[in-house]
Every structure is written in structure tokens, then in C-alpha cells.
Amino acid sequence: MYKPADSKFKITTTLRQILLADERLAKLIGSKIFPLIAPEDTEGDIVLYTRDEYSVTNTKMGITTQVCKVYINVVSSDYDRGQDIAELIFGILQGDYSDGMKIQLVDSTEDYADKKYIQVLLFSIE
């Protein structure tokens, strides 16, 4: 039977906590990790995250599998610095966790908008 404590519906909150706990990332961007958009006057490098998918597989016994896809965007005015931050985030998140959670990078691309370089990472979380 489904229990909210077992849900990955709020996986973005978990990912944000993992990222905020990393001292190396904190030295680069502080706590500038935001859902969807950053506050209007935020300066410097930022990280934005968006849950793109939350799907479940059901059986007669209930939910058996949950899969989430989350985009993490690194926004920077310096291309190389943005890549460095994205690579660090990849290293922080990628892997198997003791609670059974598995995070894998499934795609990566880059973009440019509003005079900012954007490194786009797509993670799958099970």
C-alpha cells in the first residue's frame, strides 16, 4: 500500500538537500539553488531544478516502482565556470544511495539565454 513517506513525489526537495549539504558546491554558489526560477534580483551563478516526470508502476499489491525525472540547470555568465558547477553536481548526485534510491544522469545539453550560459542535466531517480 502507498505511504506518503515512501513517495518520490517531492524528490526535488531531497535533491536540493543533498546539493545544499555539499561544501564544495556551497563554496561556488552558496545556497542559490531554486525550484523553477530564481528570485528576480539574484546575482551570480545559480542552480534551478524542475521535476519533469513522476510515474509509478502499480500491481495488485500497490505501487512497485517510482521513477522521477528532474532537470537541473546551472546558469552562469561564465561558460567554463558553469561547466565546472555542472560537473560537480553530476558527481554529487550520480549513484546508488543507502536508502535504495538510484540517481542516474540520462541526458545533458547546454543553452544560452539572457546573456547566460545554461548547462542542462537530466537525472532519472528510482
C-alpha atoms as a PDB file:
ATOM      1  CA  MET A   1       0.000   0.000   0.000  1.00  0.00           C
ATOM      2  CA  TYR A   2       1.196   3.508  -0.845  1.00  0.00           C
ATOM      3  CA  LYS A   3       2.556   5.576   2.030  1.00  0.00           C
ATOM      4  CA  PRO A   4       3.433   9.278   1.586  1.00  0.00           C
ATOM      5  CA  ALA A   5       6.759   8.680   3.369  1.00  0.00           C
ATOM      6  CA  ASP A   6       7.722   6.295   0.555  1.00  0.00           C
ATOM      7  CA  SER A   7       6.723   8.699  -2.216  1.00  0.00           C
ATOM      8  CA  LYS A   8       9.220  10.260  -4.588  1.00  0.00           C
ATOM      9  CA  PHE A   9       6.706  12.998  -5.438  1.00  0.00           C
ATOM     10  CA  LYS A  10       8.847  15.506  -3.511  1.00  0.00           C
ATOM     11  CA  ILE A  11      12.161  14.211  -4.863  1.00  0.00           C
ATOM     12  CA  THR A  12      13.258  17.727  -5.765  1.00  0.00           C
ATOM     13  CA  THR A  13      13.271  18.631  -2.074  1.00  0.00           C
ATOM     14  CA  THR A  14      15.561  15.670  -1.410  1.00  0.00           C
ATOM     15  CA  LEU A  15      17.896  16.608  -4.272  1.00  0.00           C
ATOM     16  CA  ARG A  16      18.089  20.209  -3.045  1.00  0.00           C
ATOM     17  CA  GLN A  17      19.033  18.999   0.445  1.00  0.00           C
ATOM     18  CA  ILE A  18      21.769  16.765  -0.986  1.00  0.00           C
ATOM     19  CA  LEU A  19      23.180  19.649  -3.021  1.00  0.00           C
ATOM     20  CA  LEU A  20      22.994  22.174  -0.176  1.00  0.00           C
ATOM     21  CA  ALA A  21      24.870  19.771   2.102  1.00  0.00           C
ATOM     22  CA  ASP A  22      27.903  19.659  -0.198  1.00  0.00           C
ATOM     23  CA  GLU A  23      30.588  22.102   0.981  1.00  0.00           C
ATOM     24  CA  ARG A  24      32.324  22.231  -2.405  1.00  0.00           C
ATOM     25  CA  LEU A  25      29.126  23.376  -4.117  1.00  0.00           C
ATOM     26  CA  ALA A  26      28.375  25.836  -1.310  1.00  0.00           C
ATOM     27  CA  LYS A  27      31.759  27.492  -1.906  1.00  0.00           C
ATOM     28  CA  LEU A  28      30.856  28.015  -5.565  1.00  0.00           C
ATOM     29  CA  ILE A  29      27.225  29.128  -5.380  1.00  0.00           C
ATOM     30  CA  GLY A  30      26.264  29.450  -1.714  1.00  0.00           C
ATOM     31  CA  SER A  31      22.641  28.441  -1.247  1.00  0.00           C
ATOM     32  CA  LYS A  32      21.432  29.685  -4.649  1.00  0.00           C
ATOM     33  CA  ILE A  33      19.521  26.518  -5.563  1.00  0.00           C
ATOM     34  CA  PHE A  34      15.915  27.259  -6.518  1.00  0.00           C
ATOM     35  CA  PRO A  35      12.832  25.466  -7.860  1.00  0.00           C
ATOM     36  CA  LEU A  36      11.871  26.555 -11.399  1.00  0.00           C
ATOM     37  CA  ILE A  37      13.039  30.204 -11.220  1.00  0.00           C
ATOM     38  CA  ALA A  38      15.337  32.328  -9.099  1.00  0.00           C
ATOM     39  CA  PRO A  39      14.204  35.427  -7.238  1.00  0.00           C
ATOM     40  CA  GLU A  40      14.355  38.436  -9.542  1.00  0.00           C
ATOM     41  CA  ASP A  41      17.461  40.139  -8.125  1.00  0.00           C
ATOM     42  CA  THR A  42      19.593  37.015  -7.655  1.00  0.00           C
ATOM     43  CA  GLU A  43      23.147  37.616  -8.836  1.00  0.00           C
ATOM     44  CA  GLY A  44      25.943  35.260  -9.784  1.00  0.00           C
ATOM     45  CA  ASP A  45      25.795  31.584 -10.616  1.00  0.00           C
ATOM     46  CA  ILE A  46      22.584  29.751  -9.757  1.00  0.00           C
ATOM     47  CA  VAL A  47      21.111  26.269  -9.936  1.00  0.00           C
ATOM     48  CA  LEU A  48      17.479  25.705 -10.907  1.00  0.00           C
ATOM     49  CA  TYR A  49      15.621  22.414 -10.692  1.00  0.00           C
ATOM     50  CA  THR A  50      12.369  21.152 -12.178  1.00  0.00           C
ATOM     51  CA  ARG A  51      10.617  17.803 -11.782  1.00  0.00           C
ATOM     52  CA  ASP A  52       9.657  16.768 -15.297  1.00  0.00           C
ATOM     53  CA  GLU A  53       8.133  13.370 -14.586  1.00  0.00           C
ATOM     54  CA  TYR A  54       6.798  11.315 -11.719  1.00  0.00           C
ATOM     55  CA  SER A  55       5.487   7.954 -12.827  1.00  0.00           C
ATOM     56  CA  VAL A  56       4.530   4.852 -10.904  1.00  0.00           C
ATOM     57  CA  THR A  57       4.040   1.191 -11.751  1.00  0.00           C
ATOM     58  CA  ASN A  58       1.156  -0.481  -9.949  1.00  0.00           C
ATOM     59  CA  THR A  59       0.321  -4.091  -9.229  1.00  0.00           C
ATOM     60  CA  LYS A  60      -2.491  -5.596  -7.194  1.00  0.00           C
ATOM     61  CA  MET A  61      -0.239  -5.138  -4.161  1.00  0.00           C
ATOM     62  CA  GLY A  62       0.170  -1.393  -4.804  1.00  0.00           C
ATOM     63  CA  ILE A  63       2.957   0.779  -6.175  1.00  0.00           C
ATOM     64  CA  THR A  64       6.019  -1.261  -7.074  1.00  0.00           C
ATOM     65  CA  THR A  65       8.185   1.281  -8.901  1.00  0.00           C
ATOM     66  CA  GLN A  66       8.504   5.044  -8.878  1.00  0.00           C
ATOM     67  CA  VAL A  67      10.556   6.926 -11.456  1.00  0.00           C
ATOM     68  CA  CYS A  68      11.185  10.653 -11.477  1.00  0.00           C
ATOM     69  CA  LYS A  69      12.998  12.771 -13.997  1.00  0.00           C
ATOM     70  CA  VAL A  70      14.463  16.037 -12.798  1.00  0.00           C
ATOM     71  CA  TYR A  71      16.140  18.769 -14.804  1.00  0.00           C
ATOM     72  CA  ILE A  72      18.931  20.640 -13.084  1.00  0.00           C
ATOM     73  CA  ASN A  73      20.046  23.816 -14.837  1.00  0.00           C
ATOM     74  CA  VAL A  74      23.273  25.609 -13.982  1.00  0.00           C
ATOM     75  CA  VAL A  75      23.042  29.252 -15.020  1.00  0.00           C
ATOM     76  CA  SER A  76      26.271  31.252 -15.239  1.00  0.00           C
ATOM     77  CA  SER A  77      27.702  34.232 -17.082  1.00  0.00           C
ATOM     78  CA  ASP A  78      30.967  32.276 -17.436  1.00  0.00           C
ATOM     79  CA  TYR A  79      30.809  29.187 -19.668  1.00  0.00           C
ATOM     80  CA  ASP A  80      33.718  27.296 -18.061  1.00  0.00           C
ATOM     81  CA  ARG A  81      32.516  28.009 -14.526  1.00  0.00           C
ATOM     82  CA  GLY A  82      29.041  26.750 -15.449  1.00  0.00           C
ATOM     83  CA  GLN A  83      30.553  23.532 -16.780  1.00  0.00           C
ATOM     84  CA  ASP A  84      32.599  23.112 -13.590  1.00  0.00           C
ATOM     85  CA  ILE A  85      29.491  23.527 -11.434  1.00  0.00           C
ATOM     86  CA  ALA A  86      27.502  21.093 -13.615  1.00  0.00           C
ATOM     87  CA  GLU A  87      30.274  18.506 -13.424  1.00  0.00           C
ATOM     88  CA  LEU A  88      30.383  18.859  -9.636  1.00  0.00           C
ATOM     89  CA  ILE A  89      26.594  18.419  -9.403  1.00  0.00           C
ATOM     90  CA  PHE A  90      26.856  15.295 -11.565  1.00  0.00           C
ATOM     91  CA  GLY A  91      29.485  13.914  -9.170  1.00  0.00           C
ATOM     92  CA  ILE A  92      27.408  14.762  -6.104  1.00  0.00           C
ATOM     93  CA  LEU A  93      24.143  13.226  -7.307  1.00  0.00           C
ATOM     94  CA  GLN A  94      25.092  10.286  -9.539  1.00  0.00           C
ATOM     95  CA  GLY A  95      24.993   6.913  -7.828  1.00  0.00           C
ATOM     96  CA  ASP A  96      23.235   4.443  -5.551  1.00  0.00           C
ATOM     97  CA  TYR A  97      22.111   5.606  -2.108  1.00  0.00           C
ATOM     98  CA  SER A  98      21.821   3.593   1.100  1.00  0.00           C
ATOM     99  CA  ASP A  99      18.031   4.055   1.208  1.00  0.00           C
ATOM    100  CA  GLY A 100      17.711   2.291  -2.171  1.00  0.00           C
ATOM    101  CA  MET A 101      17.417   5.460  -4.235  1.00  0.00           C
ATOM    102  CA  LYS A 102      19.338   5.401  -7.515  1.00  0.00           C
ATOM    103  CA  ILE A 103      20.210   8.596  -9.405  1.00  0.00           C
ATOM    104  CA  GLN A 104      21.497   8.444 -12.965  1.00  0.00           C
ATOM    105  CA  LEU A 105      22.297  11.142 -15.496  1.00  0.00           C
ATOM    106  CA  VAL A 106      20.311  10.341 -18.654  1.00  0.00           C
ATOM    107  CA  ASP A 107      20.969  13.429 -20.760  1.00  0.00           C
ATOM    108  CA  SER A 108      22.914  16.641 -20.800  1.00  0.00           C
ATOM    109  CA  THR A 109      22.813  19.644 -23.080  1.00  0.00           C
ATOM    110  CA  GLU A 110      23.570  23.335 -22.983  1.00  0.00           C
ATOM    111  CA  ASP A 111      21.847  26.549 -23.918  1.00  0.00           C
ATOM    112  CA  TYR A 112      22.315  30.307 -23.932  1.00  0.00           C
ATOM    113  CA  ALA A 113      19.692  32.875 -22.931  1.00  0.00           C
ATOM    114  CA  ASP A 114      19.681  36.397 -21.491  1.00  0.00           C
ATOM    115  CA  LYS A 115      23.483  36.617 -21.749  1.00  0.00           C
ATOM    116  CA  LYS A 116      23.853  33.494 -19.569  1.00  0.00           C
ATOM    117  CA  TYR A 117      25.233  30.049 -20.309  1.00  0.00           C
ATOM    118  CA  ILE A 118      22.998  27.210 -19.168  1.00  0.00           C
ATOM    119  CA  GLN A 119      24.202  23.677 -18.501  1.00  0.00           C
ATOM    120  CA  VAL A 120      21.185  21.341 -18.523  1.00  0.00           C
ATOM    121  CA  LEU A 121      21.389  17.996 -16.702  1.00  0.00           C
ATOM    122  CA  LEU A 122      18.529  15.479 -16.800  1.00  0.00           C
ATOM    123  CA  PHE A 123      18.556  12.917 -13.992  1.00  0.00           C
ATOM    124  CA  SER A 124      16.419   9.814 -13.598  1.00  0.00           C
ATOM    125  CA  ILE A 125      15.661   8.852  -9.992  1.00  0.00           C
ATOM    126  CA  GLU A 126      14.332   5.472  -8.906  1.00  0.00           C
END
